Amino acid sequence: MTTRARSFDAAAALYQAYRPGYPPELFDAVEALAGRPLAGARVADVGAGTGIATALLRARGAEVLAVEPGDGMAAEFRRAHPGIPIVRGDGDRLPLASGAFDLLTYAQAWHWTDPARAVPEARRVVRPGGALALWWNDLDTSVPWVAEQDERIRAVVAEIGLPPRETTDGLDITGRREVRWSRRIPLEAHLANQASHSAFLLLGEARTREFTDAERDRLSALFPDGSVEEPYVVSLTVARL
């Protein structure tokens, strides 16, 4: 898992350029389930990557600190967000003071942790009454073309597999929400987004290019104007600590 998680370091610029952001409704849901506004909250965004979620948390008025283990991702974060503080570490060993934060967030990053370590660490650094928010942003497989593409991806990366969504056992879950949204992007940007995922980074350049070329041909027939409507579902879980 460590090797897989660190695979993003070699593709940090690709990740920053093509990964999707998050809709405002997600942060509305975080506030509702956490029981407090983000404005003025002390937030640690763990596994921050290039800072896609971190910057949006700050835009909502949070006093946010990023935690990121990867060299390449941290370097890209600093280039993209020079005004946001970042420290090096991961969810299993948070380099943070005890009781210092109102909210801990994991945007697409909880599955890189060992919950047996990450849950006690979350409880340590979040003040009493604070919260932990976990979310994943997935293409919506209820849409037929997305479901068909998902099957092709699973087939081509079968020997690598997809990372598991780790358990939330032991957490006092406040609530769960699903937020649907979409973005329209060029076909080439959609393909670059797919290539930025860990399975393809480990698959290798030649096989990734082979898959991407075949996918371009298929999707060009579906989206002849060269613009893809990507439908997403953000799955949010919030726990009180």
C-alpha atoms as a PDB file:
ATOM      1  CA  MET A   1       0.000   0.000   0.000  1.00  0.00           C
ATOM      2  CA  THR A   2       2.882   2.372   0.724  1.00  0.00           C
ATOM      3  CA  THR A   3       4.331   1.741  -2.749  1.00  0.00           C
ATOM      4  CA  ARG A   4       0.943   2.323  -4.303  1.00  0.00           C
ATOM      5  CA  ALA A   5       0.270   5.495  -2.349  1.00  0.00           C
ATOM      6  CA  ARG A   6       3.684   6.910  -3.254  1.00  0.00           C
ATOM      7  CA  SER A   7       3.114   6.180  -6.953  1.00  0.00           C
ATOM      8  CA  PHE A   8       1.376   9.570  -7.153  1.00  0.00           C
ATOM      9  CA  ASP A   9       4.657  11.377  -6.528  1.00  0.00           C
ATOM     10  CA  ALA A  10       5.824  10.713 -10.088  1.00  0.00           C
ATOM     11  CA  ALA A  11       2.583  12.109 -11.505  1.00  0.00           C
ATOM     12  CA  ALA A  12       1.878  15.027  -9.157  1.00  0.00           C
ATOM     13  CA  ALA A  13       1.603  17.619 -11.938  1.00  0.00           C
ATOM     14  CA  LEU A  14      -0.808  15.358 -13.875  1.00  0.00           C
ATOM     15  CA  TYR A  15      -2.863  14.893 -10.704  1.00  0.00           C
ATOM     16  CA  GLN A  16      -3.045  18.630 -10.028  1.00  0.00           C
ATOM     17  CA  ALA A  17      -3.987  19.449 -13.617  1.00  0.00           C
ATOM     18  CA  TYR A  18      -6.723  16.883 -14.246  1.00  0.00           C
ATOM     19  CA  ARG A  19      -8.228  15.539 -11.014  1.00  0.00           C
ATOM     20  CA  PRO A  20     -11.711  16.913 -10.297  1.00  0.00           C
ATOM     21  CA  GLY A  21     -12.502  19.295  -7.494  1.00  0.00           C
ATOM     22  CA  TYR A  22     -15.534  19.133  -5.199  1.00  0.00           C
ATOM     23  CA  PRO A  23     -18.917  20.897  -5.316  1.00  0.00           C
ATOM     24  CA  PRO A  24     -19.976  23.468  -2.691  1.00  0.00           C
ATOM     25  CA  GLU A  25     -22.755  21.103  -1.585  1.00  0.00           C
ATOM     26  CA  LEU A  26     -20.126  18.712  -0.205  1.00  0.00           C
ATOM     27  CA  PHE A  27     -18.823  21.328   2.211  1.00  0.00           C
ATOM     28  CA  ASP A  28     -22.394  22.276   3.154  1.00  0.00           C
ATOM     29  CA  ALA A  29     -22.894  18.617   4.108  1.00  0.00           C
ATOM     30  CA  VAL A  30     -19.620  18.526   6.087  1.00  0.00           C
ATOM     31  CA  GLU A  31     -20.770  21.526   8.101  1.00  0.00           C
ATOM     32  CA  ALA A  32     -24.220  20.038   8.724  1.00  0.00           C
ATOM     33  CA  LEU A  33     -22.885  16.660   9.884  1.00  0.00           C
ATOM     34  CA  ALA A  34     -19.972  18.105  11.876  1.00  0.00           C
ATOM     35  CA  GLY A  35     -22.304  20.543  13.614  1.00  0.00           C
ATOM     36  CA  ARG A  36     -20.273  23.686  12.975  1.00  0.00           C
ATOM     37  CA  PRO A  37     -19.302  26.034  10.139  1.00  0.00           C
ATOM     38  CA  LEU A  38     -15.987  25.685   8.384  1.00  0.00           C
ATOM     39  CA  ALA A  39     -15.382  29.414   8.707  1.00  0.00           C
ATOM     40  CA  GLY A  40     -12.994  29.888  11.599  1.00  0.00           C
ATOM     41  CA  ALA A  41     -12.530  26.144  12.192  1.00  0.00           C
ATOM     42  CA  ARG A  42      -9.060  24.720  12.697  1.00  0.00           C
ATOM     43  CA  VAL A  43      -8.841  21.958  10.086  1.00  0.00           C
ATOM     44  CA  ALA A  44      -6.115  19.447   9.238  1.00  0.00           C
ATOM     45  CA  ASP A  45      -6.478  17.994   5.730  1.00  0.00           C
ATOM     46  CA  VAL A  46      -4.630  14.661   5.794  1.00  0.00           C
ATOM     47  CA  GLY A  47      -3.289  13.050   2.644  1.00  0.00           C
ATOM     48  CA  ALA A  48      -3.725  16.460   1.065  1.00  0.00           C
ATOM     49  CA  GLY A  49      -1.957  15.569  -2.177  1.00  0.00           C
ATOM     50  CA  THR A  50      -1.664  18.631  -4.378  1.00  0.00           C
ATOM     51  CA  GLY A  51      -4.183  20.541  -2.245  1.00  0.00           C
ATOM     52  CA  ILE A  52      -7.397  20.249  -4.259  1.00  0.00           C
ATOM     53  CA  ALA A  53      -9.582  19.864  -1.154  1.00  0.00           C
ATOM     54  CA  THR A  54      -7.293  21.926   1.079  1.00  0.00           C
ATOM     55  CA  ALA A  55      -7.717  25.041  -1.041  1.00  0.00           C
ATOM     56  CA  LEU A  56     -11.503  24.662  -1.083  1.00  0.00           C
ATOM     57  CA  LEU A  57     -11.580  24.273   2.704  1.00  0.00           C
ATOM     58  CA  ARG A  58      -9.584  27.472   3.016  1.00  0.00           C
ATOM     59  CA  ALA A  59     -11.940  29.215   0.595  1.00  0.00           C
ATOM     60  CA  ARG A  60     -14.769  28.340   2.993  1.00  0.00           C
ATOM     61  CA  GLY A  61     -12.939  30.237   5.728  1.00  0.00           C
ATOM     62  CA  ALA A  62     -11.225  27.348   7.511  1.00  0.00           C
ATOM     63  CA  GLU A  63      -7.835  27.805   9.150  1.00  0.00           C
ATOM     64  CA  VAL A  64      -6.392  24.811   7.351  1.00  0.00           C
ATOM     65  CA  LEU A  65      -3.139  22.887   7.594  1.00  0.00           C
ATOM     66  CA  ALA A  66      -2.175  20.183   5.085  1.00  0.00           C
ATOM     67  CA  VAL A  67      -0.523  16.854   5.956  1.00  0.00           C
ATOM     68  CA  GLU A  68       1.107  14.982   3.061  1.00  0.00           C
ATOM     69  CA  PRO A  69       3.698  12.143   3.030  1.00  0.00           C
ATOM     70  CA  GLY A  70       4.797  12.218  -0.617  1.00  0.00           C
ATOM     71  CA  ASP A  71       7.748  14.252  -1.861  1.00  0.00           C
ATOM     72  CA  GLY A  72       6.321  14.947  -5.312  1.00  0.00           C
ATOM     73  CA  MET A  73       2.825  15.734  -4.094  1.00  0.00           C
ATOM     74  CA  ALA A  74       4.114  18.048  -1.360  1.00  0.00           C
ATOM     75  CA  ALA A  75       6.305  19.896  -3.870  1.00  0.00           C
ATOM     76  CA  GLU A  76       3.339  20.362  -6.212  1.00  0.00           C
ATOM     77  CA  PHE A  77       1.218  21.508  -3.254  1.00  0.00           C
ATOM     78  CA  ARG A  78       3.764  24.192  -2.384  1.00  0.00           C
ATOM     79  CA  ARG A  79       3.844  25.413  -5.984  1.00  0.00           C
ATOM     80  CA  ALA A  80       0.053  25.548  -6.258  1.00  0.00           C
ATOM     81  CA  HIS A  81      -0.719  26.902  -2.777  1.00  0.00           C
ATOM     82  CA  PRO A  82       2.258  28.818  -1.387  1.00  0.00           C
ATOM     83  CA  GLY A  83       0.095  30.502   1.259  1.00  0.00           C
ATOM     84  CA  ILE A  84      -1.188  27.311   2.896  1.00  0.00           C
ATOM     85  CA  PRO A  85       1.016  25.582   5.494  1.00  0.00           C
ATOM     86  CA  ILE A  86       1.927  21.941   4.886  1.00  0.00           C
ATOM     87  CA  VAL A  87       3.713  19.409   7.097  1.00  0.00           C
ATOM     88  CA  ARG A  88       5.061  16.002   6.156  1.00  0.00           C
ATOM     89  CA  GLY A  89       3.390  12.938   7.645  1.00  0.00           C
ATOM     90  CA  ASP A  90       0.505  10.521   7.246  1.00  0.00           C
ATOM     91  CA  GLY A  91      -2.658   9.522   9.057  1.00  0.00           C
ATOM     92  CA  ASP A  92      -0.994   6.696  10.969  1.00  0.00           C
ATOM     93  CA  ARG A  93       1.539   9.081  12.537  1.00  0.00           C
ATOM     94  CA  LEU A  94       0.141  12.595  12.551  1.00  0.00           C
ATOM     95  CA  PRO A  95       2.808  15.257  13.251  1.00  0.00           C
ATOM     96  CA  LEU A  96       0.199  17.367  15.047  1.00  0.00           C
ATOM     97  CA  ALA A  97      -0.382  18.545  18.605  1.00  0.00           C
ATOM     98  CA  SER A  98      -3.024  16.781  20.670  1.00  0.00           C
ATOM     99  CA  GLY A  99      -6.433  18.453  20.812  1.00  0.00           C
ATOM    100  CA  ALA A 100      -5.382  21.179  18.385  1.00  0.00           C
ATOM    101  CA  PHE A 101      -8.048  20.808  15.669  1.00  0.00           C
ATOM    102  CA  ASP A 102     -11.801  21.126  15.275  1.00  0.00           C
ATOM    103  CA  LEU A 103     -11.953  18.922  12.200  1.00  0.00           C
ATOM    104  CA  LEU A 104      -9.805  16.326  10.481  1.00  0.00           C
ATOM    105  CA  THR A 105     -10.511  15.687   6.776  1.00  0.00           C
ATOM    106  CA  TYR A 106      -9.479  12.901   4.430  1.00  0.00           C
ATOM    107  CA  ALA A 107     -10.327  13.670   0.795  1.00  0.00           C
ATOM    108  CA  GLN A 108      -9.821  10.421  -1.117  1.00  0.00           C
ATOM    109  CA  ALA A 109      -7.123   9.417   1.377  1.00  0.00           C
ATOM    110  CA  TRP A 110      -8.553   7.335   4.249  1.00  0.00           C
ATOM    111  CA  HIS A 111      -7.977   4.089   2.328  1.00  0.00           C
ATOM    112  CA  TRP A 112      -4.224   4.722   2.465  1.00  0.00           C
ATOM    113  CA  THR A 113      -4.274   4.480   6.277  1.00  0.00           C
ATOM    114  CA  ASP A 114      -4.293   1.634   8.777  1.00  0.00           C
ATOM    115  CA  PRO A 115      -7.510   2.412  10.722  1.00  0.00           C
ATOM    116  CA  ALA A 116      -6.142   0.649  13.808  1.00  0.00           C
ATOM    117  CA  ARG A 117      -3.591   3.479  13.958  1.00  0.00           C
ATOM    118  CA  ALA A 118      -5.417   6.281  12.157  1.00  0.00           C
ATOM    119  CA  VAL A 119      -8.529   6.251  14.363  1.00  0.00           C
ATOM    120  CA  PRO A 120      -6.595   6.705  17.649  1.00  0.00           C
ATOM    121  CA  GLU A 121      -4.478   9.397  15.981  1.00  0.00           C
ATOM    122  CA  ALA A 122      -7.619  11.215  14.852  1.00  0.00           C
ATOM    123  CA  ARG A 123      -9.008  11.074  18.382  1.00  0.00           C
ATOM    124  CA  ARG A 124      -5.729  12.415  19.743  1.00  0.00           C
ATOM    125  CA  VAL A 125      -5.418  15.497  17.541  1.00  0.00           C
ATOM    126  CA  VAL A 126      -9.097  16.513  17.387  1.00  0.00           C
ATOM    127  CA  ARG A 127     -10.482  18.419  20.359  1.00  0.00           C
ATOM    128  CA  PRO A 128     -13.416  16.917  22.298  1.00  0.00           C
ATOM    129  CA  GLY A 129     -16.582  17.466  20.295  1.00  0.00           C
ATOM    130  CA  GLY A 130     -14.660  17.788  17.047  1.00  0.00           C
ATOM    131  CA  ALA A 131     -15.160  15.612  13.988  1.00  0.00           C
ATOM    132  CA  LEU A 132     -13.532  13.467  11.326  1.00  0.00           C
ATOM    133  CA  ALA A 133     -14.774  13.783   7.728  1.00  0.00           C
ATOM    134  CA  LEU A 134     -13.945  11.177   5.066  1.00  0.00           C
ATOM    135  CA  TRP A 135     -15.004  11.407   1.450  1.00  0.00           C
ATOM    136  CA  TRP A 136     -14.459   9.809  -1.938  1.00  0.00           C
ATOM    137  CA  ASN A 137     -15.261  11.302  -5.327  1.00  0.00           C
ATOM    138  CA  ASP A 138     -16.202   8.528  -7.788  1.00  0.00           C
ATOM    139  CA  LEU A 139     -17.535   8.495 -11.302  1.00  0.00           C
ATOM    140  CA  ASP A 140     -21.226   7.587 -11.143  1.00  0.00           C
ATOM    141  CA  THR A 141     -21.575   3.991 -12.338  1.00  0.00           C
ATOM    142  CA  SER A 142     -25.367   4.341 -12.550  1.00  0.00           C
ATOM    143  CA  VAL A 143     -24.629   6.124 -15.857  1.00  0.00           C
ATOM    144  CA  PRO A 144     -24.293   3.403 -18.544  1.00  0.00           C
ATOM    145  CA  TRP A 145     -21.143   4.622 -20.294  1.00  0.00           C
ATOM    146  CA  VAL A 146     -19.387   5.068 -16.942  1.00  0.00           C
ATOM    147  CA  ALA A 147     -20.384   1.544 -15.839  1.00  0.00           C
ATOM    148  CA  GLU A 148     -19.041   0.080 -19.077  1.00  0.00           C
ATOM    149  CA  GLN A 149     -15.788   2.001 -18.719  1.00  0.00           C
ATOM    150  CA  ASP A 150     -15.486   0.886 -15.097  1.00  0.00           C
ATOM    151  CA  GLU A 151     -15.717  -2.762 -16.195  1.00  0.00           C
ATOM    152  CA  ARG A 152     -12.948  -2.208 -18.746  1.00  0.00           C
ATOM    153  CA  ILE A 153     -10.736  -0.533 -16.146  1.00  0.00           C
ATOM    154  CA  ARG A 154     -11.274  -3.361 -13.665  1.00  0.00           C
ATOM    155  CA  ALA A 155     -10.384  -5.915 -16.335  1.00  0.00           C
ATOM    156  CA  VAL A 156      -7.171  -4.224 -17.432  1.00  0.00           C
ATOM    157  CA  VAL A 157      -5.877  -3.630 -13.899  1.00  0.00           C
ATOM    158  CA  ALA A 158      -7.110  -6.930 -12.454  1.00  0.00           C
ATOM    159  CA  GLU A 159      -3.631  -8.059 -11.417  1.00  0.00           C
ATOM    160  CA  ILE A 160      -3.107  -4.799  -9.522  1.00  0.00           C
ATOM    161  CA  GLY A 161      -6.599  -4.422  -8.165  1.00  0.00           C
ATOM    162  CA  LEU A 162      -8.326  -1.341  -6.855  1.00  0.00           C
ATOM    163  CA  PRO A 163      -7.479   0.015  -3.385  1.00  0.00           C
ATOM    164  CA  PRO A 164      -9.925  -1.073  -0.677  1.00  0.00           C
ATOM    165  CA  ARG A 165     -12.162   1.378   1.122  1.00  0.00           C
ATOM    166  CA  GLU A 166     -10.985   0.830   4.666  1.00  0.00           C
ATOM    167  CA  THR A 167     -13.391   0.209   7.498  1.00  0.00           C
ATOM    168  CA  THR A 168     -14.917   2.897   9.693  1.00  0.00           C
ATOM    169  CA  ASP A 169     -15.386   0.425  12.547  1.00  0.00           C
ATOM    170  CA  GLY A 170     -14.846   1.992  15.949  1.00  0.00           C
ATOM    171  CA  LEU A 171     -15.995   5.439  14.838  1.00  0.00           C
ATOM    172  CA  ASP A 172     -19.117   7.191  16.122  1.00  0.00           C
ATOM    173  CA  ILE A 173     -20.677   7.933  12.739  1.00  0.00           C
ATOM    174  CA  THR A 174     -22.736  11.127  12.772  1.00  0.00           C
ATOM    175  CA  GLY A 175     -24.057  10.648   9.289  1.00  0.00           C
ATOM    176  CA  ARG A 176     -23.432   9.832   5.667  1.00  0.00           C
ATOM    177  CA  ARG A 177     -24.340  11.797   2.551  1.00  0.00           C
ATOM    178  CA  GLU A 178     -24.042  11.342  -1.186  1.00  0.00           C
ATOM    179  CA  VAL A 179     -23.565  14.446  -3.295  1.00  0.00           C
ATOM    180  CA  ARG A 180     -24.021  14.173  -7.045  1.00  0.00           C
ATOM    181  CA  TRP A 181     -22.423  16.642  -9.398  1.00  0.00           C
ATOM    182  CA  SER A 182     -20.755  16.750 -12.804  1.00  0.00           C
ATOM    183  CA  ARG A 183     -18.201  18.603 -14.851  1.00  0.00           C
ATOM    184  CA  ARG A 184     -17.731  18.962 -18.605  1.00  0.00           C
ATOM    185  CA  ILE A 185     -14.127  18.636 -19.767  1.00  0.00           C
ATOM    186  CA  PRO A 186     -12.263  17.835 -23.000  1.00  0.00           C
ATOM    187  CA  LEU A 187     -11.953  14.142 -23.844  1.00  0.00           C
ATOM    188  CA  GLU A 188      -8.171  14.320 -23.509  1.00  0.00           C
ATOM    189  CA  ALA A 189      -8.546  15.739 -19.995  1.00  0.00           C
ATOM    190  CA  HIS A 190     -10.872  12.860 -19.083  1.00  0.00           C
ATOM    191  CA  LEU A 191      -8.285  10.351 -20.294  1.00  0.00           C
ATOM    192  CA  ALA A 192      -5.493  12.145 -18.437  1.00  0.00           C
ATOM    193  CA  ASN A 193      -7.599  12.063 -15.259  1.00  0.00           C
ATOM    194  CA  GLN A 194      -7.964   8.283 -15.590  1.00  0.00           C
ATOM    195  CA  ALA A 195      -4.217   7.895 -16.130  1.00  0.00           C
ATOM    196  CA  SER A 196      -3.517   9.749 -12.869  1.00  0.00           C
ATOM    197  CA  HIS A 197      -5.044   6.943 -10.760  1.00  0.00           C
ATOM    198  CA  SER A 198      -2.722   4.631  -8.871  1.00  0.00           C
ATOM    199  CA  ALA A 199      -3.669   1.466 -10.777  1.00  0.00           C
ATOM    200  CA  PHE A 200      -2.541   2.988 -14.069  1.00  0.00           C
ATOM    201  CA  LEU A 201       0.562   4.531 -12.526  1.00  0.00           C
ATOM    202  CA  LEU A 202       1.589   1.035 -11.452  1.00  0.00           C
ATOM    203  CA  LEU A 203       0.419  -0.604 -14.676  1.00  0.00           C
ATOM    204  CA  GLY A 204       3.190   1.068 -16.646  1.00  0.00           C
ATOM    205  CA  GLU A 205       3.395   3.607 -19.434  1.00  0.00           C
ATOM    206  CA  ALA A 206       3.037   1.204 -22.374  1.00  0.00           C
ATOM    207  CA  ARG A 207      -0.054  -0.601 -21.108  1.00  0.00           C
ATOM    208  CA  THR A 208      -1.633   2.621 -19.909  1.00  0.00           C
ATOM    209  CA  ARG A 209      -1.127   4.144 -23.358  1.00  0.00           C
ATOM    210  CA  GLU A 210      -2.675   1.061 -24.963  1.00  0.00           C
ATOM    211  CA  PHE A 211      -5.754   1.326 -22.741  1.00  0.00           C
ATOM    212  CA  THR A 212      -6.001   5.098 -23.252  1.00  0.00           C
ATOM    213  CA  ASP A 213      -5.814   4.820 -27.046  1.00  0.00           C
ATOM    214  CA  ALA A 214      -8.606   2.231 -27.116  1.00  0.00           C
ATOM    215  CA  GLU A 215     -10.700   4.301 -24.723  1.00  0.00           C
ATOM    216  CA  ARG A 216     -10.234   7.400 -26.864  1.00  0.00           C
ATOM    217  CA  ASP A 217     -11.681   5.552 -29.862  1.00  0.00           C
ATOM    218  CA  ARG A 218     -14.707   4.340 -27.875  1.00  0.00           C
ATOM    219  CA  LEU A 219     -15.490   7.668 -26.253  1.00  0.00           C
ATOM    220  CA  SER A 220     -14.997   9.665 -29.441  1.00  0.00           C
ATOM    221  CA  ALA A 221     -18.042   7.882 -30.830  1.00  0.00           C
ATOM    222  CA  LEU A 222     -20.079   8.734 -27.714  1.00  0.00           C
ATOM    223  CA  PHE A 223     -18.857  12.333 -27.471  1.00  0.00           C
ATOM    224  CA  PRO A 224     -18.224  13.442 -31.065  1.00  0.00           C
ATOM    225  CA  ASP A 225     -17.734  17.076 -30.045  1.00  0.00           C
ATOM    226  CA  GLY A 226     -14.714  16.033 -27.972  1.00  0.00           C
ATOM    227  CA  SER A 227     -16.292  17.140 -24.687  1.00  0.00           C
ATOM    228  CA  VAL A 228     -17.126  14.641 -21.923  1.00  0.00           C
ATOM    229  CA  GLU A 229     -19.731  15.151 -19.200  1.00  0.00           C
ATOM    230  CA  GLU A 230     -18.215  13.388 -16.176  1.00  0.00           C
ATOM    231  CA  PRO A 231     -20.900  12.502 -13.586  1.00  0.00           C
ATOM    232  CA  TYR A 232     -19.671  12.082 -10.013  1.00  0.00           C
ATOM    233  CA  VAL A 233     -20.946  10.859  -6.657  1.00  0.00           C
ATOM    234  CA  VAL A 234     -19.135  12.124  -3.573  1.00  0.00           C
ATOM    235  CA  SER A 235     -19.621   9.689  -0.671  1.00  0.00           C
ATOM    236  CA  LEU A 236     -19.184  11.490   2.655  1.00  0.00           C
ATOM    237  CA  THR A 237     -18.902   9.982   6.139  1.00  0.00           C
ATOM    238  CA  VAL A 238     -18.594  12.159   9.247  1.00  0.00           C
ATOM    239  CA  ALA A 239     -17.767  10.876  12.729  1.00  0.00           C
ATOM    240  CA  ARG A 240     -17.762  12.807  16.002  1.00  0.00           C
ATOM    241  CA  LEU A 241     -14.617  12.362  18.098  1.00  0.00           C
END
